[in-house]
Amino acid sequence: MRPNWGTGGFAPTPIRTSGSTETNVKSKEFQGWLTGTKLIEPTEGAASWFSENKARLQDIYKDYWNRFEKKSPQEKAERTLMPQDGV
């Protein structure tokens, strides 16, 4: 998934393996992201931060889920990560 900031908020956009989207696993941009990515482990403070922010994050989730549910089937499909998109 890549962020799509042009929507007025954070709208994750799938990166398709089929090559059917502008950014896909065959693009140079994706290859750069892949090689420049490193796995990180949560810190000890992560759990306490989440505990302190959980209610706020759940409110944000509810708002964005509401927006998603109002989209057309095509718009939902564009934002849905499918099993075949995995790498």
N, C-alpha and C. Protein backbone atom coordinates (compact mmCIF):
# COMPACT_ATOMS: atom_id res chain seq x y z
N MET A 1 0.85 -1.18 0.00
CA MET A 1 0.00 0.00 0.00
C MET A 1 0.89 1.24 0.00
N ARG A 2 0.42 2.26 -0.67
CA ARG A 2 1.12 3.54 -0.65
C ARG A 2 0.13 4.61 -0.23
N PRO A 3 0.59 5.65 0.46
CA PRO A 3 -0.33 6.72 0.83
C PRO A 3 -0.72 7.53 -0.40
N ASN A 4 -1.94 8.02 -0.40
CA ASN A 4 -2.45 8.87 -1.46
C ASN A 4 -2.93 10.15 -0.80
N TRP A 5 -2.03 11.11 -0.65
CA TRP A 5 -2.33 12.33 0.11
C TRP A 5 -3.22 13.30 -0.65
N GLY A 6 -3.39 13.15 -1.94
CA GLY A 6 -4.19 14.08 -2.74
C GLY A 6 -5.68 13.99 -2.45
N THR A 7 -6.09 13.13 -1.57
CA THR A 7 -7.50 12.94 -1.28
C THR A 7 -7.99 13.82 -0.13
N GLY A 8 -7.11 14.61 0.44
CA GLY A 8 -7.50 15.43 1.59
C GLY A 8 -7.30 14.69 2.90
N GLY A 9 -6.75 13.50 2.84
CA GLY A 9 -6.47 12.68 4.01
C GLY A 9 -5.63 11.50 3.58
N PHE A 10 -5.38 10.62 4.48
CA PHE A 10 -4.58 9.45 4.16
C PHE A 10 -5.48 8.38 3.56
N ALA A 11 -5.28 8.05 2.32
CA ALA A 11 -6.08 7.03 1.63
C ALA A 11 -5.14 5.99 1.07
N PRO A 12 -4.92 4.88 1.78
CA PRO A 12 -4.00 3.86 1.28
C PRO A 12 -4.45 3.35 -0.09
N THR A 13 -3.50 3.21 -0.98
CA THR A 13 -3.77 2.75 -2.33
C THR A 13 -2.95 1.50 -2.59
N PRO A 14 -3.59 0.40 -2.98
CA PRO A 14 -2.84 -0.84 -3.23
C PRO A 14 -1.83 -0.68 -4.37
N ILE A 15 -0.74 -1.37 -4.22
CA ILE A 15 0.27 -1.48 -5.28
C ILE A 15 0.05 -2.86 -5.88
N ARG A 16 -0.47 -2.91 -7.08
CA ARG A 16 -0.87 -4.17 -7.71
C ARG A 16 0.31 -4.91 -8.33
N THR A 17 0.28 -6.24 -8.22
CA THR A 17 1.30 -7.06 -8.88
C THR A 17 0.98 -7.23 -10.36
N SER A 18 -0.27 -6.98 -10.75
CA SER A 18 -0.68 -7.17 -12.14
C SER A 18 -0.14 -6.10 -13.07
N GLY A 19 0.37 -5.01 -12.52
CA GLY A 19 0.84 -3.91 -13.35
C GLY A 19 -0.28 -3.03 -13.85
N SER A 20 -1.48 -3.19 -13.29
CA SER A 20 -2.65 -2.45 -13.75
C SER A 20 -2.79 -1.07 -13.13
N THR A 21 -1.89 -0.69 -12.26
CA THR A 21 -1.95 0.63 -11.64
C THR A 21 -0.66 1.39 -11.94
N GLU A 22 -0.73 2.71 -11.81
CA GLU A 22 0.43 3.55 -12.11
C GLU A 22 1.65 3.12 -11.30
N THR A 23 1.49 2.97 -10.00
CA THR A 23 2.56 2.46 -9.16
C THR A 23 2.29 0.98 -8.96
N ASN A 24 3.20 0.13 -9.43
CA ASN A 24 3.02 -1.30 -9.29
C ASN A 24 4.36 -1.93 -8.95
N VAL A 25 4.37 -3.22 -8.66
CA VAL A 25 5.60 -3.87 -8.19
C VAL A 25 6.71 -3.89 -9.24
N LYS A 26 6.38 -3.60 -10.49
CA LYS A 26 7.41 -3.57 -11.55
C LYS A 26 7.99 -2.17 -11.75
N SER A 27 7.41 -1.17 -11.10
CA SER A 27 7.87 0.20 -11.30
C SER A 27 9.20 0.45 -10.56
N LYS A 28 10.00 1.36 -11.11
CA LYS A 28 11.27 1.72 -10.47
C LYS A 28 11.02 2.31 -9.09
N GLU A 29 9.94 3.10 -8.98
CA GLU A 29 9.61 3.72 -7.70
C GLU A 29 9.41 2.66 -6.62
N PHE A 30 8.64 1.62 -6.94
CA PHE A 30 8.39 0.55 -5.97
C PHE A 30 9.69 -0.17 -5.62
N GLN A 31 10.50 -0.46 -6.62
CA GLN A 31 11.77 -1.16 -6.36
C GLN A 31 12.65 -0.35 -5.40
N GLY A 32 12.64 0.96 -5.55
CA GLY A 32 13.39 1.81 -4.63
C GLY A 32 12.84 1.74 -3.21
N TRP A 33 11.51 1.73 -3.10
CA TRP A 33 10.90 1.60 -1.78
C TRP A 33 11.26 0.27 -1.15
N LEU A 34 11.23 -0.78 -1.96
CA LEU A 34 11.49 -2.12 -1.45
C LEU A 34 12.92 -2.26 -0.95
N THR A 35 13.88 -1.77 -1.72
CA THR A 35 15.28 -1.89 -1.29
C THR A 35 15.61 -0.92 -0.16
N GLY A 36 14.86 0.18 -0.06
CA GLY A 36 15.12 1.16 0.99
C GLY A 36 14.34 0.93 2.27
N THR A 37 13.65 -0.20 2.36
CA THR A 37 12.82 -0.49 3.53
C THR A 37 13.54 -1.43 4.48
N LYS A 38 13.46 -1.13 5.76
CA LYS A 38 14.03 -2.06 6.73
C LYS A 38 12.98 -2.36 7.79
N LEU A 39 13.01 -3.57 8.28
CA LEU A 39 12.07 -4.02 9.30
C LEU A 39 12.44 -3.38 10.63
N ILE A 40 11.45 -2.85 11.31
CA ILE A 40 11.69 -2.30 12.64
C ILE A 40 10.80 -3.04 13.64
N GLU A 41 11.24 -3.06 14.85
CA GLU A 41 10.50 -3.70 15.93
C GLU A 41 9.91 -2.61 16.82
N PRO A 42 8.71 -2.84 17.36
CA PRO A 42 8.12 -1.83 18.25
C PRO A 42 9.00 -1.61 19.49
N THR A 43 9.02 -0.38 19.94
CA THR A 43 9.77 -0.06 21.16
C THR A 43 8.91 -0.35 22.37
N GLU A 44 9.51 -0.30 23.54
CA GLU A 44 8.74 -0.51 24.77
C GLU A 44 7.64 0.54 24.93
N GLY A 45 7.89 1.74 24.47
CA GLY A 45 6.92 2.83 24.60
C GLY A 45 5.75 2.73 23.64
N ALA A 46 5.84 1.87 22.64
CA ALA A 46 4.78 1.78 21.63
C ALA A 46 3.46 1.34 22.25
N ALA A 47 3.48 0.35 23.10
CA ALA A 47 2.25 -0.15 23.70
C ALA A 47 1.59 0.91 24.58
N SER A 48 2.38 1.65 25.34
CA SER A 48 1.79 2.68 26.19
C SER A 48 1.28 3.85 25.34
N TRP A 49 2.00 4.21 24.26
CA TRP A 49 1.53 5.25 23.37
C TRP A 49 0.18 4.85 22.77
N PHE A 50 0.08 3.61 22.30
CA PHE A 50 -1.17 3.15 21.71
C PHE A 50 -2.29 3.18 22.74
N SER A 51 -2.00 2.74 23.93
CA SER A 51 -3.01 2.73 24.99
C SER A 51 -3.54 4.15 25.24
N GLU A 52 -2.64 5.12 25.24
CA GLU A 52 -3.02 6.51 25.48
C GLU A 52 -3.80 7.11 24.31
N ASN A 53 -3.56 6.62 23.10
CA ASN A 53 -4.15 7.20 21.89
C ASN A 53 -5.23 6.34 21.26
N LYS A 54 -5.55 5.20 21.86
CA LYS A 54 -6.47 4.24 21.25
C LYS A 54 -7.83 4.85 20.93
N ALA A 55 -8.43 5.56 21.85
CA ALA A 55 -9.77 6.12 21.63
C ALA A 55 -9.76 7.10 20.45
N ARG A 56 -8.75 7.95 20.38
CA ARG A 56 -8.64 8.92 19.29
C ARG A 56 -8.47 8.20 17.95
N LEU A 57 -7.63 7.19 17.93
CA LEU A 57 -7.40 6.43 16.70
C LEU A 57 -8.65 5.66 16.27
N GLN A 58 -9.40 5.15 17.22
CA GLN A 58 -10.64 4.46 16.88
C GLN A 58 -11.67 5.42 16.30
N ASP A 59 -11.70 6.65 16.80
CA ASP A 59 -12.60 7.66 16.23
C ASP A 59 -12.22 7.98 14.78
N ILE A 60 -10.93 8.11 14.53
CA ILE A 60 -10.45 8.37 13.17
C ILE A 60 -10.82 7.20 12.27
N TYR A 61 -10.61 6.00 12.75
CA TYR A 61 -10.95 4.79 11.98
C TYR A 61 -12.44 4.79 11.63
N LYS A 62 -13.29 5.05 12.60
CA LYS A 62 -14.74 5.06 12.37
C LYS A 62 -15.11 6.08 11.30
N ASP A 63 -14.51 7.26 11.36
CA ASP A 63 -14.79 8.31 10.38
C ASP A 63 -14.39 7.84 8.98
N TYR A 64 -13.18 7.33 8.83
CA TYR A 64 -12.72 6.91 7.52
C TYR A 64 -13.45 5.66 7.03
N TRP A 65 -13.81 4.76 7.92
CA TRP A 65 -14.57 3.58 7.50
C TRP A 65 -15.94 4.00 6.99
N ASN A 66 -16.56 4.97 7.65
CA ASN A 66 -17.84 5.53 7.20
C ASN A 66 -17.71 6.07 5.78
N ARG A 67 -16.65 6.81 5.52
CA ARG A 67 -16.41 7.37 4.19
C ARG A 67 -16.23 6.25 3.16
N PHE A 68 -15.47 5.23 3.54
CA PHE A 68 -15.23 4.11 2.64
C PHE A 68 -16.53 3.40 2.29
N GLU A 69 -17.37 3.19 3.26
CA GLU A 69 -18.63 2.48 3.05
C GLU A 69 -19.56 3.21 2.08
N LYS A 70 -19.39 4.51 1.92
CA LYS A 70 -20.23 5.30 1.02
C LYS A 70 -19.71 5.32 -0.42
N LYS A 71 -18.56 4.72 -0.65
CA LYS A 71 -17.98 4.70 -2.00
C LYS A 71 -18.71 3.70 -2.89
N SER A 72 -18.58 3.90 -4.19
CA SER A 72 -19.16 2.97 -5.15
C SER A 72 -18.36 1.66 -5.12
N PRO A 73 -18.92 0.58 -5.66
CA PRO A 73 -18.17 -0.67 -5.71
C PRO A 73 -16.82 -0.53 -6.44
N GLN A 74 -16.78 0.27 -7.50
CA GLN A 74 -15.51 0.48 -8.22
C GLN A 74 -14.50 1.22 -7.35
N GLU A 75 -14.95 2.26 -6.64
CA GLU A 75 -14.04 3.00 -5.76
C GLU A 75 -13.53 2.10 -4.64
N LYS A 76 -14.39 1.24 -4.10
CA LYS A 76 -13.95 0.30 -3.06
C LYS A 76 -12.91 -0.67 -3.61
N ALA A 77 -13.13 -1.16 -4.81
CA ALA A 77 -12.19 -2.11 -5.43
C ALA A 77 -10.82 -1.46 -5.63
N GLU A 78 -10.79 -0.17 -5.98
CA GLU A 78 -9.53 0.54 -6.17
C GLU A 78 -8.74 0.66 -4.88
N ARG A 79 -9.41 0.64 -3.74
CA ARG A 79 -8.76 0.81 -2.44
C ARG A 79 -8.59 -0.49 -1.66
N THR A 80 -9.00 -1.62 -2.26
CA THR A 80 -8.97 -2.89 -1.55
C THR A 80 -7.74 -3.71 -1.95
N LEU A 81 -6.97 -4.09 -0.96
CA LEU A 81 -5.79 -4.93 -1.17
C LEU A 81 -6.27 -6.38 -1.29
N MET A 82 -5.92 -7.03 -2.39
CA MET A 82 -6.35 -8.40 -2.66
C MET A 82 -5.19 -9.38 -2.41
N PRO A 83 -5.52 -10.65 -2.12
CA PRO A 83 -4.45 -11.63 -1.87
C PRO A 83 -3.43 -11.71 -3.00
N GLN A 84 -3.87 -11.58 -4.25
CA GLN A 84 -2.94 -11.66 -5.37
C GLN A 84 -2.00 -10.45 -5.46
N ASP A 85 -2.24 -9.42 -4.66
CA ASP A 85 -1.37 -8.25 -4.64
C ASP A 85 -0.13 -8.46 -3.76
N GLY A 86 -0.10 -9.54 -3.03
CA GLY A 86 1.02 -9.79 -2.11
C GLY A 86 2.31 -10.10 -2.84
N VAL A 87 3.41 -9.71 -2.21
CA VAL A 87 4.74 -10.03 -2.77
C VAL A 87 5.52 -10.83 -1.76
